Structures are given as C-alpha cells and as structure tokens.
Amino acid sequence: MRDRTLLVSQKNAVFRLLSGCELDVGQFVWRKIVGETYTHSQLVHGQSGYYFKFLSWPNGWGYEMSPGMESRFATGSAGEWATELTFFRAWALGLRKELEEPDLWETIRQGRALVETASDANIENSPLSEEEQQLIQESLEEVKQHLLGIRELGVAQRDFVERQFQYLVDASGRLGRKDWTNIFLSVLVSNIVGLALPSEAARALFRFATQAFQWFLTSPHFFPISAQ
C-alpha cells in the first residue's frame, strides 16, 4: 500500500485557504482513505459530513468532493497541485454557501403553529378587533427587535425590516385574521431570505414569533366555521 496522503506543507496550504474562505477550521477533520493501491487524504466537515478527497496519482492530482458545484457529488482530475488547490477553494466557497443557506422547508416546519393556523380551511376570516390590533402591534415590535438583534444590519437592511413590519401593522386594520396570518408568515420568510439568515437564526426567529403570538394562535376568536 503506497502512502499518497498530503505533506504537512500541503495541509498547511489547505488550512490557509479554509481560513481565507472564512470557514471555521476547527470544524474539519482529516481522514485517511485506504484504496486498493494508494492511501489518500480526505478533509471532512464534521457537522455536515461534506468532504474533499485529495486523490494523488503518479501522473497527477484528482479530487472527489461533496457538495459539487451544482450537485451533491462531483469528481475529476486536476493535474498540478496548484490546480488542485483551485478546485479545493471553489469547493470551500460552495460549502460555506451551503452551510449559510437557510433551509426554508425546515424553517417553515419550525413555525408549524403559524402554518397550521394559516392553512386551516375551517378558520373564519373575521375582522381583527381594535384590542387585537393593538396586541398585534406590540407583539410585532417584540419580533422586530428580536430580528434586528440577530446580526448587525446595514441601513438598507434595517429600513427593509422596518417597512415590512409597518406593513403588517397597517394590514391588521384591513385584513381578516386568516389573511393577516398568511401575510405575517410570508413576511417572516421574506425577511429570512432578504437578510440571508443562517438556518439556526431562521429557526430561532420562527420559535420566537410563535411564542410572541401565542395569545393570537390560541385566541377564542379562531372558531371553526362549522361551529357557528
């Protein structure tokens, strides 16, 4: 079995590239991959399981990586070591994007109470009372402040959040409770996408919003139409 794993100097070059891509190097581990003839080095992102395998052959370099550029898996040849590092950097940037990308389906699942209320065909679309509108305004302020505190936002981003939440306040005076709940859900998702919130922050936002509007979701005014 021939050892074709990376040299220390080569691993150090990989370290510097990861750092330059603003990835936490401490989340990666090295593994030896034993083949029929050669042993290769594989770098694995521990949390996600994504990896880059450095394939070293007598006639040049190759790679196997996940995620690929446009798929979960990709493989190919690089030739020179410098080219291998170019492919590795592209992989690292793609990995960072994948890690930062919010899972909108999982985010929606976290806000199950809001989704179920918005989608229940038996919920009547009755007008919101003045008292409910005031409570909505107060709860929206709590959610907005939570959102603004998740990360440091630029002026344009803060303006975006302010406009979105003011729209919800205004809409509570003219929309029925079911329509308003749908708009509220849509605005939360719009802010997650518009601010490019990472998955954990997105899930935390939905949890906080569900808690802040618990009074609304359990309101006795949400009567099934059939019960009227």
Protein backbone atom coordinates (compact mmCIF):
# COMPACT_ATOMS: atom_id res chain seq x y z
CA MET A 1 0.00 0.00 0.00
CA ARG A 2 1.56 3.30 -1.12
CA ASP A 3 1.05 6.39 1.02
CA ARG A 4 -0.17 9.30 -1.15
CA THR A 5 -1.51 11.42 1.72
CA LEU A 6 -0.73 15.12 1.87
CA LEU A 7 2.52 16.54 3.16
CA VAL A 8 2.43 18.88 6.17
CA SER A 9 3.19 21.83 3.89
CA GLN A 10 0.27 20.87 1.67
CA LYS A 11 -2.08 20.56 4.63
CA ASN A 12 -0.95 23.99 5.77
CA ALA A 13 -1.85 25.41 2.35
CA VAL A 14 -5.31 23.87 2.75
CA PHE A 15 -5.57 25.42 6.24
CA ARG A 16 -4.80 28.88 4.89
CA LEU A 17 -7.34 28.52 2.08
CA LEU A 18 -10.07 27.49 4.52
CA SER A 19 -9.30 30.45 6.75
CA GLY A 20 -9.35 32.76 3.74
CA CYS A 21 -12.83 31.46 2.87
CA GLU A 22 -13.98 32.41 6.39
CA LEU A 23 -14.67 28.84 7.46
CA ASP A 24 -14.05 27.57 10.99
CA VAL A 25 -11.04 25.32 10.54
CA GLY A 26 -11.77 23.67 13.88
CA GLN A 27 -14.88 22.04 12.38
CA PHE A 28 -12.81 19.97 9.92
CA VAL A 29 -11.04 16.68 10.46
CA TRP A 30 -8.50 14.76 8.34
CA ARG A 31 -9.08 11.14 7.44
CA LYS A 32 -7.00 8.58 5.59
CA ILE A 33 -8.80 6.81 2.77
CA VAL A 34 -7.32 3.40 2.03
CA GLY A 35 -7.75 2.16 -1.54
CA GLU A 36 -6.56 -0.94 -3.32
CA THR A 37 -3.16 0.58 -4.17
CA TYR A 38 -2.87 4.01 -2.54
CA THR A 39 -3.81 5.82 0.65
CA HIS A 40 -5.25 9.32 0.14
CA SER A 41 -6.17 12.29 2.35
CA GLN A 42 -9.76 13.38 2.86
CA LEU A 43 -10.88 16.54 4.65
CA VAL A 44 -14.34 16.25 6.25
CA HIS A 45 -16.57 18.95 7.65
CA GLY A 46 -17.65 17.24 10.84
CA GLN A 47 -21.07 18.85 11.29
CA SER A 48 -22.40 18.36 7.77
CA GLY A 49 -20.38 15.36 6.59
CA TYR A 50 -19.37 17.19 3.39
CA TYR A 51 -15.83 16.42 2.27
CA PHE A 52 -12.99 16.96 -0.19
CA LYS A 53 -10.82 13.98 -1.09
CA PHE A 54 -7.32 14.72 -2.39
CA LEU A 55 -6.51 11.99 -4.89
CA SER A 56 -2.82 11.79 -5.64
CA TRP A 57 -1.65 9.59 -8.53
CA PRO A 58 1.80 9.15 -10.11
CA ASN A 59 0.58 11.09 -13.16
CA GLY A 60 -1.10 13.96 -11.29
CA TRP A 61 -3.86 15.06 -8.93
CA GLY A 62 -7.58 14.34 -8.86
CA TYR A 63 -10.43 15.04 -6.47
CA GLU A 64 -13.73 13.82 -5.16
CA MET A 65 -15.91 16.36 -3.41
CA SER A 66 -19.27 16.88 -1.82
CA PRO A 67 -21.02 19.16 -2.37
CA GLY A 68 -20.17 19.57 -6.03
CA MET A 69 -20.61 22.84 -7.89
CA GLU A 70 -24.15 22.03 -9.00
CA SER A 71 -24.84 18.67 -7.36
CA ARG A 72 -24.25 16.78 -4.13
CA PHE A 73 -21.21 14.96 -5.52
CA ALA A 74 -18.51 15.61 -8.11
CA THR A 75 -15.20 14.08 -9.18
CA GLY A 76 -12.50 14.99 -11.66
CA SER A 77 -8.81 15.45 -12.44
CA ALA A 78 -6.69 18.48 -11.65
CA GLY A 79 -3.21 17.66 -12.88
CA GLU A 80 -0.95 20.07 -10.99
CA TRP A 81 -1.11 20.69 -7.22
CA ALA A 82 -1.82 24.37 -7.81
CA THR A 83 -4.88 23.41 -9.85
CA GLU A 84 -5.94 21.00 -7.12
CA LEU A 85 -5.94 23.92 -4.69
CA THR A 86 -8.05 25.95 -7.12
CA PHE A 87 -10.70 23.23 -7.11
CA PHE A 88 -10.43 22.99 -3.34
CA ARG A 89 -11.01 26.72 -2.90
CA ALA A 90 -14.09 26.55 -5.15
CA TRP A 91 -15.35 23.66 -3.03
CA ALA A 92 -14.73 25.59 0.21
CA LEU A 93 -16.68 28.59 -1.07
CA GLY A 94 -19.51 26.33 -2.19
CA LEU A 95 -19.50 24.62 1.19
CA ARG A 96 -19.73 27.96 3.00
CA LYS A 97 -22.70 28.95 0.85
CA GLU A 98 -24.42 25.63 1.55
CA LEU A 99 -23.82 25.94 5.30
CA GLU A 100 -25.13 29.51 5.38
CA GLU A 101 -28.14 28.82 3.18
CA PRO A 102 -31.32 28.73 5.30
CA ASP A 103 -33.38 25.57 4.94
CA LEU A 104 -36.74 27.25 4.25
CA TRP A 105 -38.66 23.96 4.44
CA GLU A 106 -37.23 23.19 7.86
CA THR A 107 -37.82 26.79 8.91
CA ILE A 108 -41.47 26.54 7.96
CA ARG A 109 -41.73 23.29 9.88
CA GLN A 110 -40.41 25.07 12.97
CA GLY A 111 -43.25 27.55 12.62
CA ARG A 112 -45.81 24.74 12.46
CA ALA A 113 -48.36 26.54 14.66
CA LEU A 114 -48.35 29.55 12.36
CA VAL A 115 -48.54 27.39 9.24
CA GLU A 116 -51.39 25.25 10.58
CA THR A 117 -53.37 28.34 11.55
CA ALA A 118 -52.82 30.00 8.18
CA SER A 119 -53.77 26.88 6.21
CA ASP A 120 -56.77 25.67 8.25
CA ALA A 121 -59.77 25.83 5.93
CA ASN A 122 -62.14 25.87 8.92
CA ILE A 123 -60.81 29.09 10.40
CA GLU A 124 -63.03 32.07 9.71
CA ASN A 125 -61.56 35.23 8.26
CA SER A 126 -63.26 37.59 10.70
CA PRO A 127 -62.03 41.19 11.23
CA LEU A 128 -59.49 41.86 13.96
CA SER A 129 -60.78 43.91 16.88
CA GLU A 130 -59.12 47.16 17.93
CA GLU A 131 -57.79 45.38 21.03
CA GLU A 132 -56.30 42.62 18.87
CA GLN A 133 -54.75 45.17 16.52
CA GLN A 134 -53.04 46.84 19.49
CA LEU A 135 -51.77 43.50 20.79
CA ILE A 136 -50.55 42.62 17.29
CA GLN A 137 -48.61 45.88 17.12
CA GLU A 138 -46.95 45.14 20.48
CA SER A 139 -46.11 41.54 19.53
CA LEU A 140 -44.74 42.65 16.16
CA GLU A 141 -42.45 45.10 17.93
CA GLU A 142 -41.06 42.23 20.03
CA VAL A 143 -40.45 40.08 16.95
CA LYS A 144 -38.91 43.00 15.06
CA GLN A 145 -36.48 43.78 17.89
CA HIS A 146 -35.51 40.10 18.04
CA LEU A 147 -34.87 40.10 14.30
CA LEU A 148 -32.82 43.31 14.44
CA GLY A 149 -30.71 41.83 17.23
CA ILE A 150 -29.79 38.62 15.40
CA ARG A 151 -26.98 40.25 13.48
CA GLU A 152 -25.56 43.66 12.68
CA LEU A 153 -27.58 45.09 9.80
CA GLY A 154 -26.84 47.87 7.37
CA VAL A 155 -29.08 50.91 6.97
CA ALA A 156 -30.83 49.49 3.91
CA GLN A 157 -31.49 46.17 5.68
CA ARG A 158 -32.90 47.89 8.77
CA ASP A 159 -35.14 50.01 6.56
CA PHE A 160 -36.33 46.84 4.83
CA VAL A 161 -37.27 45.26 8.19
CA GLU A 162 -39.00 48.45 9.40
CA ARG A 163 -41.09 48.72 6.22
CA GLN A 164 -42.09 45.06 6.32
CA PHE A 165 -43.26 45.22 9.93
CA GLN A 166 -45.04 48.54 9.49
CA TYR A 167 -46.90 46.94 6.59
CA LEU A 168 -48.05 44.17 8.95
CA VAL A 169 -49.27 46.75 11.48
CA ASP A 170 -51.23 48.58 8.79
CA ALA A 171 -52.60 45.33 7.33
CA SER A 172 -54.06 44.27 10.68
CA GLY A 173 -56.60 47.08 10.34
CA ARG A 174 -57.95 45.99 6.97
CA LEU A 175 -57.45 42.21 6.71
CA GLY A 176 -59.27 39.34 8.37
CA ARG A 177 -57.38 37.22 10.89
CA LYS A 178 -56.71 34.34 8.49
CA ASP A 179 -55.49 36.61 5.67
CA TRP A 180 -53.35 38.53 8.13
CA THR A 181 -51.77 35.31 9.44
CA ASN A 182 -50.83 34.32 5.88
CA ILE A 183 -49.26 37.74 5.28
CA PHE A 184 -47.38 37.52 8.59
CA LEU A 185 -45.96 34.12 7.62
CA SER A 186 -44.97 35.47 4.20
CA VAL A 187 -43.19 38.46 5.73
CA LEU A 188 -41.19 36.25 8.10
CA VAL A 189 -39.96 34.14 5.19
CA SER A 190 -39.25 37.31 3.16
CA ASN A 191 -37.05 38.64 5.96
CA ILE A 192 -35.20 35.33 6.30
CA VAL A 193 -34.42 35.33 2.58
CA GLY A 194 -33.81 39.09 2.27
CA LEU A 195 -31.38 39.16 5.20
CA ALA A 196 -29.81 35.80 4.25
CA LEU A 197 -30.24 34.46 7.77
CA PRO A 198 -28.47 31.17 8.51
CA SER A 199 -30.66 28.17 9.31
CA GLU A 200 -30.33 28.33 13.11
CA ALA A 201 -31.16 32.05 13.18
CA ALA A 202 -34.17 31.43 10.93
CA ARG A 203 -35.45 28.65 13.17
CA ALA A 204 -34.93 30.85 16.24
CA LEU A 205 -36.94 33.64 14.60
CA PHE A 206 -39.88 31.32 13.97
CA ARG A 207 -39.74 29.97 17.52
CA PHE A 208 -39.69 33.50 18.92
CA ALA A 209 -42.53 34.64 16.65
CA THR A 210 -44.66 31.64 17.62
CA GLN A 211 -44.08 32.40 21.29
CA ALA A 212 -44.79 36.12 20.88
CA PHE A 213 -48.07 35.38 19.10
CA GLN A 214 -49.16 32.50 21.31
CA TRP A 215 -52.07 34.64 22.52
CA PHE A 216 -53.14 35.12 18.89
CA LEU A 217 -52.84 31.46 17.90
CA THR A 218 -54.95 30.35 20.88
CA SER A 219 -57.47 33.17 20.57
CA PRO A 220 -61.13 32.13 21.14
CA HIS A 221 -61.95 34.14 18.01
CA PHE A 222 -60.44 31.33 15.89
CA PHE A 223 -63.70 29.39 15.70
CA PRO A 224 -64.28 26.76 13.01
CA ILE A 225 -66.90 27.99 10.55
CA SER A 226 -68.83 24.75 11.03
CA ALA A 227 -69.32 25.58 14.70
CA GLN A 228 -71.05 28.88 14.01
